[in-house]
Each structure stands twice: as structure tokens, then as C-alpha cells.
Protein backbone atom coordinates (compact mmCIF):
# COMPACT_ATOMS: atom_id res chain seq x y z
CA MET A 1 -21.86 -45.78 9.79
CA LYS A 2 -18.57 -44.03 9.32
CA LYS A 3 -18.83 -40.32 10.09
CA ARG A 4 -18.20 -38.10 7.09
CA GLN A 5 -15.20 -35.86 7.41
CA VAL A 6 -15.98 -32.18 6.99
CA VAL A 7 -13.66 -30.48 4.52
CA GLN A 8 -12.72 -26.94 5.46
CA PHE A 9 -13.90 -24.12 3.19
CA PRO A 10 -10.76 -23.67 1.07
CA ILE A 11 -10.39 -19.88 1.09
CA PRO A 12 -7.73 -18.90 3.63
CA GLN A 13 -8.15 -15.45 5.17
CA SER A 14 -4.83 -14.26 3.77
CA THR A 15 -5.97 -14.93 0.19
CA ALA A 16 -9.74 -14.35 0.43
CA ARG A 17 -9.40 -10.82 -0.95
CA HIS A 18 -8.11 -12.28 -4.21
CA THR A 19 -11.32 -14.26 -4.92
CA ARG A 20 -14.09 -13.01 -7.19
CA VAL A 21 -16.45 -10.49 -5.60
CA GLY A 22 -20.11 -9.97 -6.48
CA PHE A 23 -20.43 -12.93 -8.88
CA GLU A 24 -23.55 -15.11 -9.12
CA THR A 25 -22.34 -17.09 -12.14
CA ILE A 26 -19.06 -18.65 -13.16
CA PRO A 27 -17.17 -15.86 -14.98
CA ALA A 28 -16.35 -16.50 -18.62
CA ASN A 29 -12.83 -15.12 -18.21
CA LEU A 30 -11.52 -17.62 -15.68
CA SER A 31 -7.80 -17.27 -15.21
CA ARG A 32 -5.52 -20.29 -15.41
CA ALA A 33 -4.84 -19.94 -11.69
CA GLU A 34 -8.59 -19.96 -10.89
CA LEU A 35 -9.12 -22.96 -13.15
CA PHE A 36 -6.56 -25.03 -11.30
CA ARG A 37 -7.30 -23.71 -7.82
CA TYR A 38 -11.07 -24.07 -7.82
CA PHE A 39 -11.89 -26.60 -10.54
CA THR A 40 -9.08 -29.13 -10.21
CA PHE A 41 -10.30 -31.77 -7.79
CA PRO A 42 -8.18 -33.78 -5.34
CA GLU A 43 -9.14 -37.33 -4.41
CA PRO A 44 -11.66 -36.43 -1.62
CA ASP A 45 -13.54 -34.22 -4.10
CA ARG A 46 -13.55 -36.91 -6.75
CA LEU A 47 -14.95 -39.43 -4.28
CA GLU A 48 -17.83 -37.05 -3.52
CA ILE A 49 -18.43 -36.45 -7.22
CA ALA A 50 -18.39 -40.19 -7.91
CA GLN A 51 -21.43 -40.69 -5.67
CA CYS A 52 -23.60 -38.92 -8.26
CA ARG A 53 -25.56 -41.04 -10.72
CA GLY A 54 -25.07 -40.28 -14.38
CA GLU A 55 -22.42 -38.27 -16.21
CA SER A 56 -24.50 -35.08 -16.34
CA ASN A 57 -24.99 -35.12 -12.57
CA LYS A 58 -21.28 -35.72 -11.97
CA ILE A 59 -20.38 -32.71 -14.14
CA GLY A 60 -23.05 -30.54 -12.51
CA PHE A 61 -21.95 -31.49 -9.01
CA ALA A 62 -18.35 -30.66 -9.87
CA LEU A 63 -19.40 -27.27 -11.24
CA LEU A 64 -21.41 -26.48 -8.10
CA LEU A 65 -18.47 -27.52 -5.92
CA GLY A 66 -15.90 -25.44 -7.76
CA ALA A 67 -18.18 -22.44 -8.19
CA VAL A 68 -19.11 -22.11 -4.51
CA ARG A 69 -15.41 -22.17 -3.68
CA LEU A 70 -14.75 -19.45 -6.24
CA THR A 71 -17.76 -17.15 -5.82
CA GLY A 72 -19.18 -18.13 -2.43
CA ARG A 73 -22.54 -18.91 -4.07
CA PHE A 74 -24.29 -21.90 -5.64
CA ILE A 75 -24.78 -20.95 -9.27
CA GLN A 76 -28.19 -21.24 -10.94
CA ASP A 77 -27.45 -20.62 -14.62
CA PHE A 78 -25.47 -23.42 -16.25
CA GLU A 79 -26.02 -22.18 -19.80
CA LEU A 80 -23.24 -19.62 -19.42
CA VAL A 81 -20.60 -22.05 -18.14
CA PRO A 82 -17.53 -21.86 -20.43
CA HIS A 83 -17.18 -24.98 -22.59
CA SER A 84 -13.45 -25.04 -21.83
CA LEU A 85 -14.27 -25.40 -18.13
CA VAL A 86 -16.62 -28.32 -18.79
CA ALA A 87 -13.87 -29.97 -20.86
CA HIS A 88 -11.36 -29.43 -18.04
CA ILE A 89 -13.70 -31.11 -15.55
CA CYS A 90 -14.57 -33.99 -17.85
CA LYS A 91 -10.90 -34.74 -18.45
CA GLN A 92 -10.36 -35.17 -14.71
CA LEU A 93 -13.45 -37.34 -14.32
CA ARG A 94 -12.63 -39.36 -17.44
CA LEU A 95 -15.92 -38.48 -19.08
CA GLU A 96 -16.81 -37.45 -22.61
CA THR A 97 -17.29 -33.69 -22.89
CA PRO A 98 -20.96 -33.07 -23.79
CA LEU A 99 -21.89 -30.65 -26.54
CA ILE A 100 -24.72 -29.32 -24.37
CA LEU A 101 -24.79 -29.35 -20.58
CA THR A 102 -28.15 -30.77 -19.45
CA TYR A 103 -27.69 -30.40 -15.69
CA PRO A 104 -29.90 -30.38 -13.73
CA GLN A 105 -32.50 -32.64 -15.32
CA ARG A 106 -34.43 -32.70 -12.04
CA GLN A 107 -34.52 -29.75 -9.63
CA PRO A 108 -34.69 -32.02 -6.54
CA THR A 109 -31.36 -33.49 -7.67
CA ARG A 110 -29.79 -30.04 -7.56
CA TYR A 111 -31.17 -29.43 -4.06
CA GLU A 112 -29.72 -32.75 -2.95
CA HIS A 113 -26.33 -31.87 -4.44
CA VAL A 114 -26.29 -28.43 -2.81
CA ASP A 115 -27.10 -29.93 0.59
CA ARG A 116 -24.40 -32.55 0.15
CA ILE A 117 -21.80 -29.93 -0.80
CA LYS A 118 -22.74 -27.73 2.17
CA SER A 119 -22.23 -30.71 4.46
CA TYR A 120 -18.98 -31.65 2.73
CA LEU A 121 -17.51 -28.14 2.97
CA GLY A 122 -19.01 -27.30 6.38
CA LEU A 123 -21.10 -24.42 5.02
CA ARG A 124 -24.40 -23.03 6.27
CA PRO A 125 -27.04 -20.90 4.54
CA PHE A 126 -27.44 -17.16 5.06
CA LYS A 127 -30.14 -16.59 7.70
CA GLN A 128 -32.41 -13.68 8.60
CA THR A 129 -30.32 -13.00 11.69
CA ASP A 130 -27.27 -12.51 9.46
CA ASN A 131 -28.80 -9.30 8.09
CA ASP A 132 -27.84 -7.48 11.29
CA VAL A 133 -24.39 -9.06 11.19
CA VAL A 134 -23.81 -7.56 7.73
CA VAL A 135 -25.16 -4.13 8.67
CA ASN A 136 -23.08 -3.97 11.85
CA HIS A 137 -19.96 -5.06 9.96
CA VAL A 138 -20.44 -2.34 7.34
CA ARG A 139 -21.10 0.30 9.99
CA GLU A 140 -17.81 -0.62 11.67
CA GLN A 141 -16.00 -0.48 8.34
CA VAL A 142 -17.46 2.93 7.50
CA ARG A 143 -16.55 4.31 10.90
CA ALA A 144 -13.02 2.97 10.40
CA GLY A 145 -12.74 4.88 7.12
CA ALA A 146 -13.44 2.12 4.56
CA ARG A 147 -14.19 3.34 1.04
CA LEU A 148 -17.59 2.66 -0.48
CA HIS A 149 -16.24 0.44 -3.25
CA GLU A 150 -14.47 -1.74 -0.67
CA LEU A 151 -17.58 -2.66 1.31
CA MET A 152 -18.91 -5.50 -0.86
CA ALA A 153 -15.56 -7.30 -0.82
CA SER A 154 -15.26 -6.78 2.93
CA VAL A 155 -18.75 -8.18 3.58
CA GLU A 156 -18.28 -11.20 1.33
CA GLU A 157 -14.93 -11.98 2.95
CA MET A 158 -16.45 -11.71 6.43
CA LEU A 159 -19.31 -14.08 5.56
CA ARG A 160 -17.01 -16.57 3.87
CA GLU A 161 -14.73 -16.65 6.90
CA GLN A 162 -17.81 -17.71 8.89
CA LYS A 163 -18.55 -20.38 6.25
CA ILE A 164 -21.84 -18.81 5.25
CA VAL A 165 -23.13 -19.27 1.70
CA LEU A 166 -23.40 -15.77 0.26
CA PRO A 167 -26.88 -14.37 -0.46
CA GLY A 168 -27.68 -12.67 -3.76
CA VAL A 169 -25.75 -9.55 -4.74
CA THR A 170 -28.96 -7.48 -4.75
CA MET A 171 -29.66 -8.39 -1.12
CA LEU A 172 -26.11 -7.53 -0.05
CA ASP A 173 -26.30 -4.24 -1.94
CA ARG A 174 -29.45 -3.35 -0.03
CA LEU A 175 -27.96 -4.24 3.34
CA ILE A 176 -24.72 -2.43 2.58
CA GLY A 177 -26.67 0.64 1.48
CA ARG A 178 -28.37 0.91 4.87
CA ALA A 179 -25.21 0.88 6.93
CA PRO A 180 -23.44 4.14 5.93
CA ASP A 181 -26.48 6.22 6.90
CA GLU A 182 -26.73 4.47 10.26
CA ALA A 183 -23.00 4.92 10.86
CA GLU A 184 -23.24 8.64 10.10
CA ASP A 185 -26.26 9.02 12.42
CA GLU A 186 -24.18 7.51 15.20
CA LEU A 187 -21.31 9.87 14.44
CA PHE A 188 -23.66 12.87 14.51
CA SER A 189 -24.82 11.88 17.98
CA GLU A 190 -21.32 11.27 19.26
CA ILE A 191 -19.86 14.46 17.82
CA ASN A 192 -22.64 16.51 19.38
CA GLU A 193 -21.47 15.33 22.77
CA TRP A 194 -17.88 16.55 22.58
CA GLY A 195 -15.66 19.39 21.32
CA ASP A 196 -16.26 23.12 21.18
CA ASP A 197 -18.96 24.62 18.98
CA ARG A 198 -16.59 25.62 16.16
CA ALA A 199 -14.87 22.22 15.88
CA ARG A 200 -18.18 20.43 16.15
CA ALA A 201 -19.72 22.54 13.41
CA GLY A 202 -16.79 21.86 11.07
CA ILE A 203 -17.01 18.11 11.55
CA LEU A 204 -20.78 18.03 11.18
CA ALA A 205 -20.49 19.95 7.91
CA LEU A 206 -18.44 17.09 6.48
CA LEU A 207 -21.21 14.64 7.39
CA LYS A 208 -24.12 16.52 5.83
CA VAL A 209 -25.44 15.50 2.44
CA ARG A 210 -25.57 18.54 0.18
CA GLU A 211 -28.64 19.31 -1.90
CA GLY A 212 -28.63 17.31 -5.14
CA GLU A 213 -26.03 14.83 -3.89
CA LYS A 214 -26.40 11.34 -2.40
CA ILE A 215 -23.34 11.05 -0.19
CA THR A 216 -21.54 13.27 2.29
CA PRO A 217 -18.32 15.16 1.52
CA SER A 218 -16.51 12.83 3.93
CA LEU A 219 -17.57 9.74 2.00
CA ARG A 220 -17.05 11.41 -1.39
CA SER A 221 -13.45 12.21 -0.49
CA SER A 222 -12.82 8.54 0.31
CA THR A 223 -14.21 7.11 -2.95
């Protein structure tokens, strides 16, 4: 049997920051550039799509393939897919554009398609051990002065560079929320070990959460 060639995950590091962040569905406001970059399929893609049985499965497979390249996740809700996107895909595959998208008709078919796409793109699922990877990455970013609103994009980019399928946004939010507190605890310990009492007191004051607030003055000044 001829060994299947693994296609590299098509989000170069230099452009990863321009991809969508925090999306679990295909956005309704796809730009023309996104349409052609993520949902226009070269010959290797079309050969993979052609292995699916039935028009609905071909369209669904193509949507899964383009969406994981765009968002880093395998979408669940196909009811919100823009009709213009379905028409764009069908034109490439030389299929009639359906009025209603019926994919998937069988859930096992979707699982099979997801597994095939992961193999095709060289992706792996997010594992329990990756939780610590995310937390450590965010701690390093916080210590380096990253702003709070930059953390989700930074985490998603890091995971995508490692060809990991992104977990749900809620899970990443929870993991990201843990890290700033841990980073500040480390800084407290380190600052206590150096500097004179006056300098140390001034720095520690910036790291204390004031009554009625949720973040420190140091983090608030960076947001």
C-alpha cells in the first residue's frame, strides 16, 4: 500500500497571528481573502474530498477541512454555515448547491472524516498533558509583559504551531485564567529575595489586588 503523504498544517508562523482567534464556528463575515485561502482547494485536497461517498459528505468534509485550517477547530454546528460558502465549495467540486445542508447524516461518518483530516494534515488532538503546556506558556507571557487580551491569540498560535487541534474556547479561558495568578505568585517569591525593603515594597504594591478589583495595578496598566 502506498504511504499517504502528510500535508503540513497550512498556517505559517509569520501569518498565524492573522487567523481567526476564539472561533468554534465558521464566521458569517468571511473575508474574500479567507474564502480563497482556506476554502479554495488544490488538487491534493480535492482528491481527499473525492474519497467521500455522496454529495453531502463531500461538502461536509470540505467544510471541516477548510474550517480547521481557519479556526484550528473541527466545527460542530453546520446550520450557521454561510450559504455563499457552500456555493463556493460546490462550484469547485462541480456539485449542485443544496438548499439545506444535511451533513452529517450519520455521526460515525463525521468521526471518520475528522480522523482522516487529522491524518491528512498531520494534526493531533489536545491531551490532558497539554493543560500544563498552556498554563506554562501563559505564565511566561505574563512575566514577559503580555497584555491580558493578547493571551488567547498567543495560546492558540502556540498550539497550532505544534499541530494540535484547539480545545474549546471555554477550556482555554479557564486555563488562561489560572496562569496570571501563578505568575504573580512566582514574582512575589522572587521579589522577596532581592532588593532593599523600600524598592521591594513598591514593587509588591503593584502586584497586590486591591479590594473590589480582580486584577493587579500592574496588569490593569497593561490592558
